[in-house]
Structure formats: structure tokens, C-alpha cells
Amino acid sequence: VFHLAYIVDGGETTSGIAATFGVTEDTLLKLNKVADPKTLQKDQVLDVPLPVCSSSISNTSDDHDLRLPNGTYTLTAQDCIQCRCSSNTFQLNCTAVQGKKGCPAVPPCSEGLNLGQTSGAGCDFKMCAYSGYSNSSSLSIQTTLFKNQTAPACEKAGSLRSAFAGSMWRISAISFHMVLILVCFL
């Protein structure tokens, strides 16, 4: 999470503040040690935890520690890349800044996708994601193909298919041996 120091305005309630920032009132009360929401005062500072987006930025990138709270955006890679945190998916979505001089070409991902483009849905979802930049000798931007195959539901589906195929193979092998034994007895 990203912690926001929020200054309470007159007449605001903890439930209203929680709804504004997409957190639960209970979380807001516990984090700020507020026993009674009716004691909230004007100019009181509240710690509001904002969920941050997950990203595909490499830990070797110059901006590896980039964290954005939901619904916000920033420029990175010497202002050549704009990244937004989607409040719906909590995934960092980055695109190249158009028309900025001095920005290098952004390499496409495999499968013909350019930065920010997506294909498929569900477990077949793929996105060409920003994975960082390097500025050692000249600015270079990296991309990576993000596949939804790493989502727990997709992993389970794949392992279930593998387990099912394995069990079918074992059943077939056992059935074949049983037939051979019966043939020998006849």
C-alpha cells in the first residue's frame, strides 16, 4: 500500500473518507486508532492506505521501486513513459509518451504486441508491459509479455488439466495390463 496523510475537512465522516479512497471504514478506524468515528475533528490527519498497482518492472531497472496508488499516474524513463495505476485491475498500465524528443523507440513484445496493447481474456490474457529502463550509456526502454497464466486460477486450471491427463494415462496403462493378464489366462 501507499500511505496518504489526509487532512480532515469540516463535516467529513470516516465512512465518507473511506468511500472516497476505496478503503473500508473499519480499516481506516483501526489504522488511525479511532475508537469512535464521531470524535473526528477538522484538521485531524488520517493515515489512509491506498492500494498500489502491481507491475512487471525488473528489479534491475532504474525505476524498480516505482509504486503508484490506485487512480494515479506518473512519468518515468526520463519522461518518455507514462504509467497509470488502474483502480479496476490494480495493474500498472504504461504507454510511450508521444512526440517527446530524445525518447528512444520502445521495443515491441513478442507476439506482435506493442507497449500497452493487450490480447485475449481470462487465462489467455496477454499484455505488452513496461519492464523498466536503463540509462548506462544511452536511454533504453524494456518491455515484457505479461501472461495471466501466473494467476492462481489459471495455474490451478493448468495443473488440473495435467493431473487429469496423468490420471487418464495411468488408467489406460492399468487397463492394458489387465487385458494382457486376462488374455494369458484364456
C-alpha atoms as a PDB file:
ATOM      1  CA  VAL A   1       0.000   0.000   0.000  1.00  0.00           C
ATOM      2  CA  PHE A   2       0.864   3.657  -0.337  1.00  0.00           C
ATOM      3  CA  HIS A   3       0.100   5.777   2.742  1.00  0.00           C
ATOM      4  CA  LEU A   4      -1.592   9.125   2.241  1.00  0.00           C
ATOM      5  CA  ALA A   5      -1.667  11.723   5.034  1.00  0.00           C
ATOM      6  CA  TYR A   6      -5.178  13.111   4.680  1.00  0.00           C
ATOM      7  CA  ILE A   7      -6.299  16.286   6.476  1.00  0.00           C
ATOM      8  CA  VAL A   8      -9.936  16.056   7.542  1.00  0.00           C
ATOM      9  CA  ASP A   9     -12.182  18.873   6.343  1.00  0.00           C
ATOM     10  CA  GLY A  10     -15.078  20.179   8.429  1.00  0.00           C
ATOM     11  CA  GLY A  11     -18.176  17.972   8.331  1.00  0.00           C
ATOM     12  CA  GLU A  12     -16.427  14.920   6.865  1.00  0.00           C
ATOM     13  CA  THR A  13     -17.063  11.433   8.218  1.00  0.00           C
ATOM     14  CA  THR A  14     -14.819   8.387   8.356  1.00  0.00           C
ATOM     15  CA  SER A  15     -17.294   6.469   6.185  1.00  0.00           C
ATOM     16  CA  GLY A  16     -17.213   9.240   3.562  1.00  0.00           C
ATOM     17  CA  ILE A  17     -13.406   9.431   3.575  1.00  0.00           C
ATOM     18  CA  ALA A  18     -13.156   5.640   3.341  1.00  0.00           C
ATOM     19  CA  ALA A  19     -15.563   5.592   0.373  1.00  0.00           C
ATOM     20  CA  THR A  20     -13.637   8.383  -1.383  1.00  0.00           C
ATOM     21  CA  PHE A  21     -10.371   6.432  -1.260  1.00  0.00           C
ATOM     22  CA  GLY A  22     -11.759   2.915  -1.716  1.00  0.00           C
ATOM     23  CA  VAL A  23     -10.853   1.523   1.711  1.00  0.00           C
ATOM     24  CA  THR A  24     -13.112   0.129   4.402  1.00  0.00           C
ATOM     25  CA  GLU A  25     -14.164   2.335   7.278  1.00  0.00           C
ATOM     26  CA  ASP A  26     -13.039  -0.381   9.689  1.00  0.00           C
ATOM     27  CA  THR A  27      -9.502  -0.316   8.217  1.00  0.00           C
ATOM     28  CA  LEU A  28      -9.398   3.474   8.457  1.00  0.00           C
ATOM     29  CA  LEU A  29     -10.548   3.425  12.096  1.00  0.00           C
ATOM     30  CA  LYS A  30      -8.146   0.670  13.181  1.00  0.00           C
ATOM     31  CA  LEU A  31      -5.117   2.119  11.395  1.00  0.00           C
ATOM     32  CA  ASN A  32      -5.678   5.554  12.943  1.00  0.00           C
ATOM     33  CA  LYS A  33      -6.692   4.171  16.361  1.00  0.00           C
ATOM     34  CA  VAL A  34     -10.029   5.994  16.243  1.00  0.00           C
ATOM     35  CA  ALA A  35     -12.384   4.290  18.699  1.00  0.00           C
ATOM     36  CA  ASP A  36     -15.428   6.445  17.949  1.00  0.00           C
ATOM     37  CA  PRO A  37     -15.933   7.861  14.435  1.00  0.00           C
ATOM     38  CA  LYS A  38     -17.989  10.704  15.932  1.00  0.00           C
ATOM     39  CA  THR A  39     -14.815  12.143  17.526  1.00  0.00           C
ATOM     40  CA  LEU A  40     -13.333  13.009  14.113  1.00  0.00           C
ATOM     41  CA  GLN A  41     -12.206  16.653  14.095  1.00  0.00           C
ATOM     42  CA  LYS A  42     -11.460  19.261  11.438  1.00  0.00           C
ATOM     43  CA  ASP A  43      -7.716  19.380  10.523  1.00  0.00           C
ATOM     44  CA  GLN A  44      -7.117  15.946  12.060  1.00  0.00           C
ATOM     45  CA  VAL A  45      -4.564  13.986   9.995  1.00  0.00           C
ATOM     46  CA  LEU A  46      -5.571  10.470   8.997  1.00  0.00           C
ATOM     47  CA  ASP A  47      -3.353   7.763   7.552  1.00  0.00           C
ATOM     48  CA  VAL A  48      -5.222   6.463   4.501  1.00  0.00           C
ATOM     49  CA  PRO A  49      -3.798   3.229   2.981  1.00  0.00           C
ATOM     50  CA  LEU A  50      -4.169   3.269  -0.797  1.00  0.00           C
ATOM     51  CA  PRO A  51      -3.674   0.003  -2.694  1.00  0.00           C
ATOM     52  CA  VAL A  52      -0.808   0.189  -5.186  1.00  0.00           C
ATOM     53  CA  CYS A  53      -0.572  -1.436  -8.579  1.00  0.00           C
ATOM     54  CA  SER A  54       1.478  -4.489  -9.288  1.00  0.00           C
ATOM     55  CA  SER A  55       3.886  -4.162 -12.168  1.00  0.00           C
ATOM     56  CA  SER A  56       6.343  -6.011 -14.385  1.00  0.00           C
ATOM     57  CA  ILE A  57       9.229  -3.634 -13.696  1.00  0.00           C
ATOM     58  CA  SER A  58      12.502  -5.518 -13.346  1.00  0.00           C
ATOM     59  CA  ASN A  59      14.423  -5.155 -10.096  1.00  0.00           C
ATOM     60  CA  THR A  60      17.457  -4.137 -12.178  1.00  0.00           C
ATOM     61  CA  SER A  61      15.641  -1.163 -13.725  1.00  0.00           C
ATOM     62  CA  ASP A  62      16.482   2.376 -12.635  1.00  0.00           C
ATOM     63  CA  ASP A  63      12.830   2.783 -11.539  1.00  0.00           C
ATOM     64  CA  HIS A  64      12.380  -0.667  -9.955  1.00  0.00           C
ATOM     65  CA  ASP A  65      10.797   0.795  -6.833  1.00  0.00           C
ATOM     66  CA  LEU A  66       8.031   2.674  -8.708  1.00  0.00           C
ATOM     67  CA  ARG A  67       4.817   2.489  -6.673  1.00  0.00           C
ATOM     68  CA  LEU A  68       1.575   4.167  -7.705  1.00  0.00           C
ATOM     69  CA  PRO A  69      -1.670   4.246  -5.731  1.00  0.00           C
ATOM     70  CA  ASN A  70      -4.939   3.419  -7.480  1.00  0.00           C
ATOM     71  CA  GLY A  71      -6.240   6.002  -9.902  1.00  0.00           C
ATOM     72  CA  THR A  72      -2.953   7.946 -10.234  1.00  0.00           C
ATOM     73  CA  TYR A  73      -0.251   8.269 -12.894  1.00  0.00           C
ATOM     74  CA  THR A  74       3.388   9.328 -13.246  1.00  0.00           C
ATOM     75  CA  LEU A  75       6.076   9.826 -15.869  1.00  0.00           C
ATOM     76  CA  THR A  76       9.219   7.685 -15.786  1.00  0.00           C
ATOM     77  CA  ALA A  77      12.171   6.769 -18.044  1.00  0.00           C
ATOM     78  CA  GLN A  78      13.158  10.424 -18.372  1.00  0.00           C
ATOM     79  CA  ASP A  79       9.527  11.370 -19.043  1.00  0.00           C
ATOM     80  CA  CYS A  80       9.335   9.010 -22.053  1.00  0.00           C
ATOM     81  CA  ILE A  81       6.889   6.562 -20.428  1.00  0.00           C
ATOM     82  CA  GLN A  82       3.593   7.380 -18.713  1.00  0.00           C
ATOM     83  CA  CYS A  83       2.312   4.805 -16.219  1.00  0.00           C
ATOM     84  CA  ARG A  84      -1.190   4.733 -14.749  1.00  0.00           C
ATOM     85  CA  CYS A  85      -2.492   2.630 -11.898  1.00  0.00           C
ATOM     86  CA  SER A  86      -5.832   1.162 -12.886  1.00  0.00           C
ATOM     87  CA  SER A  87      -8.263   1.312  -9.979  1.00  0.00           C
ATOM     88  CA  ASN A  88     -10.178  -1.585 -11.573  1.00  0.00           C
ATOM     89  CA  THR A  89      -7.389  -4.118 -12.115  1.00  0.00           C
ATOM     90  CA  PHE A  90      -4.632  -2.714  -9.857  1.00  0.00           C
ATOM     91  CA  GLN A  91      -2.204  -3.357 -12.713  1.00  0.00           C
ATOM     92  CA  LEU A  92       0.342  -0.749 -13.805  1.00  0.00           C
ATOM     93  CA  ASN A  93      -0.508   0.248 -17.390  1.00  0.00           C
ATOM     94  CA  CYS A  94       2.251   2.110 -19.222  1.00  0.00           C
ATOM     95  CA  THR A  95       2.425   3.742 -22.644  1.00  0.00           C
ATOM     96  CA  ALA A  96       5.050   5.688 -24.562  1.00  0.00           C
ATOM     97  CA  VAL A  97       4.731   9.474 -24.418  1.00  0.00           C
ATOM     98  CA  GLN A  98       4.032  10.592 -27.981  1.00  0.00           C
ATOM     99  CA  GLY A  99       6.093  13.324 -29.607  1.00  0.00           C
ATOM    100  CA  LYS A 100       8.694  13.764 -26.863  1.00  0.00           C
ATOM    101  CA  LYS A 101      12.127  14.496 -28.360  1.00  0.00           C
ATOM    102  CA  GLY A 102      15.040  12.358 -27.223  1.00  0.00           C
ATOM    103  CA  CYS A 103      12.933   9.326 -26.373  1.00  0.00           C
ATOM    104  CA  PRO A 104      14.137   6.029 -27.842  1.00  0.00           C
ATOM    105  CA  ALA A 105      11.896   3.655 -29.748  1.00  0.00           C
ATOM    106  CA  VAL A 106      10.059   1.287 -27.445  1.00  0.00           C
ATOM    107  CA  PRO A 107      10.652  -2.336 -28.443  1.00  0.00           C
ATOM    108  CA  PRO A 108       7.535  -4.427 -29.073  1.00  0.00           C
ATOM    109  CA  CYS A 109       6.858  -7.554 -27.057  1.00  0.00           C
ATOM    110  CA  SER A 110       6.739 -10.966 -28.648  1.00  0.00           C
ATOM    111  CA  GLU A 111       3.537 -11.976 -30.432  1.00  0.00           C
ATOM    112  CA  GLY A 112       3.394  -8.582 -32.186  1.00  0.00           C
ATOM    113  CA  LEU A 113       2.054  -6.568 -29.242  1.00  0.00           C
ATOM    114  CA  ASN A 114       3.283  -3.022 -28.659  1.00  0.00           C
ATOM    115  CA  LEU A 115       3.629  -1.412 -25.246  1.00  0.00           C
ATOM    116  CA  GLY A 116       0.222  -1.168 -23.559  1.00  0.00           C
ATOM    117  CA  GLN A 117      -1.555  -3.437 -26.072  1.00  0.00           C
ATOM    118  CA  THR A 118      -3.483  -6.489 -24.878  1.00  0.00           C
ATOM    119  CA  SER A 119      -4.933  -9.637 -26.388  1.00  0.00           C
ATOM    120  CA  GLY A 120      -7.124 -12.469 -25.165  1.00  0.00           C
ATOM    121  CA  ALA A 121      -9.195 -12.689 -21.996  1.00  0.00           C
ATOM    122  CA  GLY A 122      -9.249 -14.672 -18.767  1.00  0.00           C
ATOM    123  CA  CYS A 123      -6.387 -17.173 -18.520  1.00  0.00           C
ATOM    124  CA  ASP A 124      -5.416 -16.355 -22.145  1.00  0.00           C
ATOM    125  CA  PHE A 125      -4.977 -12.628 -21.379  1.00  0.00           C
ATOM    126  CA  LYS A 126      -1.648 -11.148 -22.539  1.00  0.00           C
ATOM    127  CA  MET A 127      -0.318  -7.612 -22.257  1.00  0.00           C
ATOM    128  CA  CYS A 128       2.844  -5.948 -23.501  1.00  0.00           C
ATOM    129  CA  ALA A 129       4.044  -4.375 -20.250  1.00  0.00           C
ATOM    130  CA  TYR A 130       6.725  -1.857 -19.391  1.00  0.00           C
ATOM    131  CA  SER A 131       9.550  -3.626 -17.542  1.00  0.00           C
ATOM    132  CA  GLY A 132      11.909  -0.713 -16.900  1.00  0.00           C
ATOM    133  CA  TYR A 133      14.685   1.359 -18.363  1.00  0.00           C
ATOM    134  CA  SER A 134      18.435   1.677 -18.275  1.00  0.00           C
ATOM    135  CA  ASN A 135      20.472   4.823 -18.720  1.00  0.00           C
ATOM    136  CA  SER A 136      24.029   3.461 -18.532  1.00  0.00           C
ATOM    137  CA  SER A 137      25.312   4.778 -21.884  1.00  0.00           C
ATOM    138  CA  SER A 138      22.068   5.870 -23.541  1.00  0.00           C
ATOM    139  CA  LEU A 139      18.429   5.574 -22.555  1.00  0.00           C
ATOM    140  CA  SER A 140      16.897   2.206 -23.406  1.00  0.00           C
ATOM    141  CA  ILE A 141      13.405   1.045 -22.542  1.00  0.00           C
ATOM    142  CA  GLN A 142      12.474  -2.587 -21.913  1.00  0.00           C
ATOM    143  CA  THR A 143       9.156  -4.387 -22.329  1.00  0.00           C
ATOM    144  CA  THR A 144       7.954  -7.841 -21.338  1.00  0.00           C
ATOM    145  CA  LEU A 145       4.990 -10.007 -22.259  1.00  0.00           C
ATOM    146  CA  PHE A 146       2.747 -10.371 -19.195  1.00  0.00           C
ATOM    147  CA  LYS A 147       0.621 -13.506 -19.283  1.00  0.00           C
ATOM    148  CA  ASN A 148      -2.297 -14.142 -16.974  1.00  0.00           C
ATOM    149  CA  GLN A 149      -1.101 -17.755 -16.746  1.00  0.00           C
ATOM    150  CA  THR A 150       0.517 -16.812 -13.429  1.00  0.00           C
ATOM    151  CA  ALA A 151      -2.841 -16.036 -11.794  1.00  0.00           C
ATOM    152  CA  PRO A 152      -3.755 -18.688  -9.187  1.00  0.00           C
ATOM    153  CA  ALA A 153      -6.954 -19.711 -11.001  1.00  0.00           C
ATOM    154  CA  CYS A 154      -5.020 -20.174 -14.260  1.00  0.00           C
ATOM    155  CA  GLU A 155      -2.284 -22.184 -12.555  1.00  0.00           C
ATOM    156  CA  LYS A 156      -4.901 -24.436 -10.952  1.00  0.00           C
ATOM    157  CA  ALA A 157      -6.643 -24.931 -14.286  1.00  0.00           C
ATOM    158  CA  GLY A 158      -3.357 -25.901 -15.922  1.00  0.00           C
ATOM    159  CA  SER A 159      -2.324 -28.245 -13.121  1.00  0.00           C
ATOM    160  CA  LEU A 160      -5.789 -29.821 -13.103  1.00  0.00           C
ATOM    161  CA  ARG A 161      -5.511 -30.493 -16.829  1.00  0.00           C
ATOM    162  CA  SER A 162      -2.057 -32.032 -16.259  1.00  0.00           C
ATOM    163  CA  ALA A 163      -3.285 -34.111 -13.318  1.00  0.00           C
ATOM    164  CA  PHE A 164      -6.296 -35.273 -15.338  1.00  0.00           C
ATOM    165  CA  ALA A 165      -4.120 -36.203 -18.317  1.00  0.00           C
ATOM    166  CA  GLY A 166      -1.720 -38.055 -15.997  1.00  0.00           C
ATOM    167  CA  SER A 167      -4.519 -39.980 -14.309  1.00  0.00           C
ATOM    168  CA  MET A 168      -6.028 -40.903 -17.694  1.00  0.00           C
ATOM    169  CA  TRP A 169      -2.627 -42.237 -18.793  1.00  0.00           C
ATOM    170  CA  ARG A 170      -2.352 -44.357 -15.618  1.00  0.00           C
ATOM    171  CA  ILE A 171      -5.891 -45.717 -16.066  1.00  0.00           C
ATOM    172  CA  SER A 172      -5.102 -46.601 -19.690  1.00  0.00           C
ATOM    173  CA  ALA A 173      -1.856 -48.367 -18.708  1.00  0.00           C
ATOM    174  CA  ILE A 174      -3.573 -50.330 -15.919  1.00  0.00           C
ATOM    175  CA  SER A 175      -6.437 -51.306 -18.252  1.00  0.00           C
ATOM    176  CA  PHE A 176      -3.973 -52.510 -20.889  1.00  0.00           C
ATOM    177  CA  HIS A 177      -2.145 -54.683 -18.333  1.00  0.00           C
ATOM    178  CA  MET A 178      -5.437 -56.101 -17.059  1.00  0.00           C
ATOM    179  CA  VAL A 179      -6.382 -57.103 -20.625  1.00  0.00           C
ATOM    180  CA  LEU A 180      -2.976 -58.789 -21.075  1.00  0.00           C
ATOM    181  CA  ILE A 181      -3.445 -60.765 -17.839  1.00  0.00           C
ATOM    182  CA  LEU A 182      -6.928 -61.879 -18.922  1.00  0.00           C
ATOM    183  CA  VAL A 183      -5.600 -62.955 -22.344  1.00  0.00           C
ATOM    184  CA  CYS A 184      -2.892 -65.039 -20.636  1.00  0.00           C
ATOM    185  CA  PHE A 185      -5.482 -66.841 -18.504  1.00  0.00           C
ATOM    186  CA  LEU A 186      -7.629 -67.673 -21.505  1.00  0.00           C
END
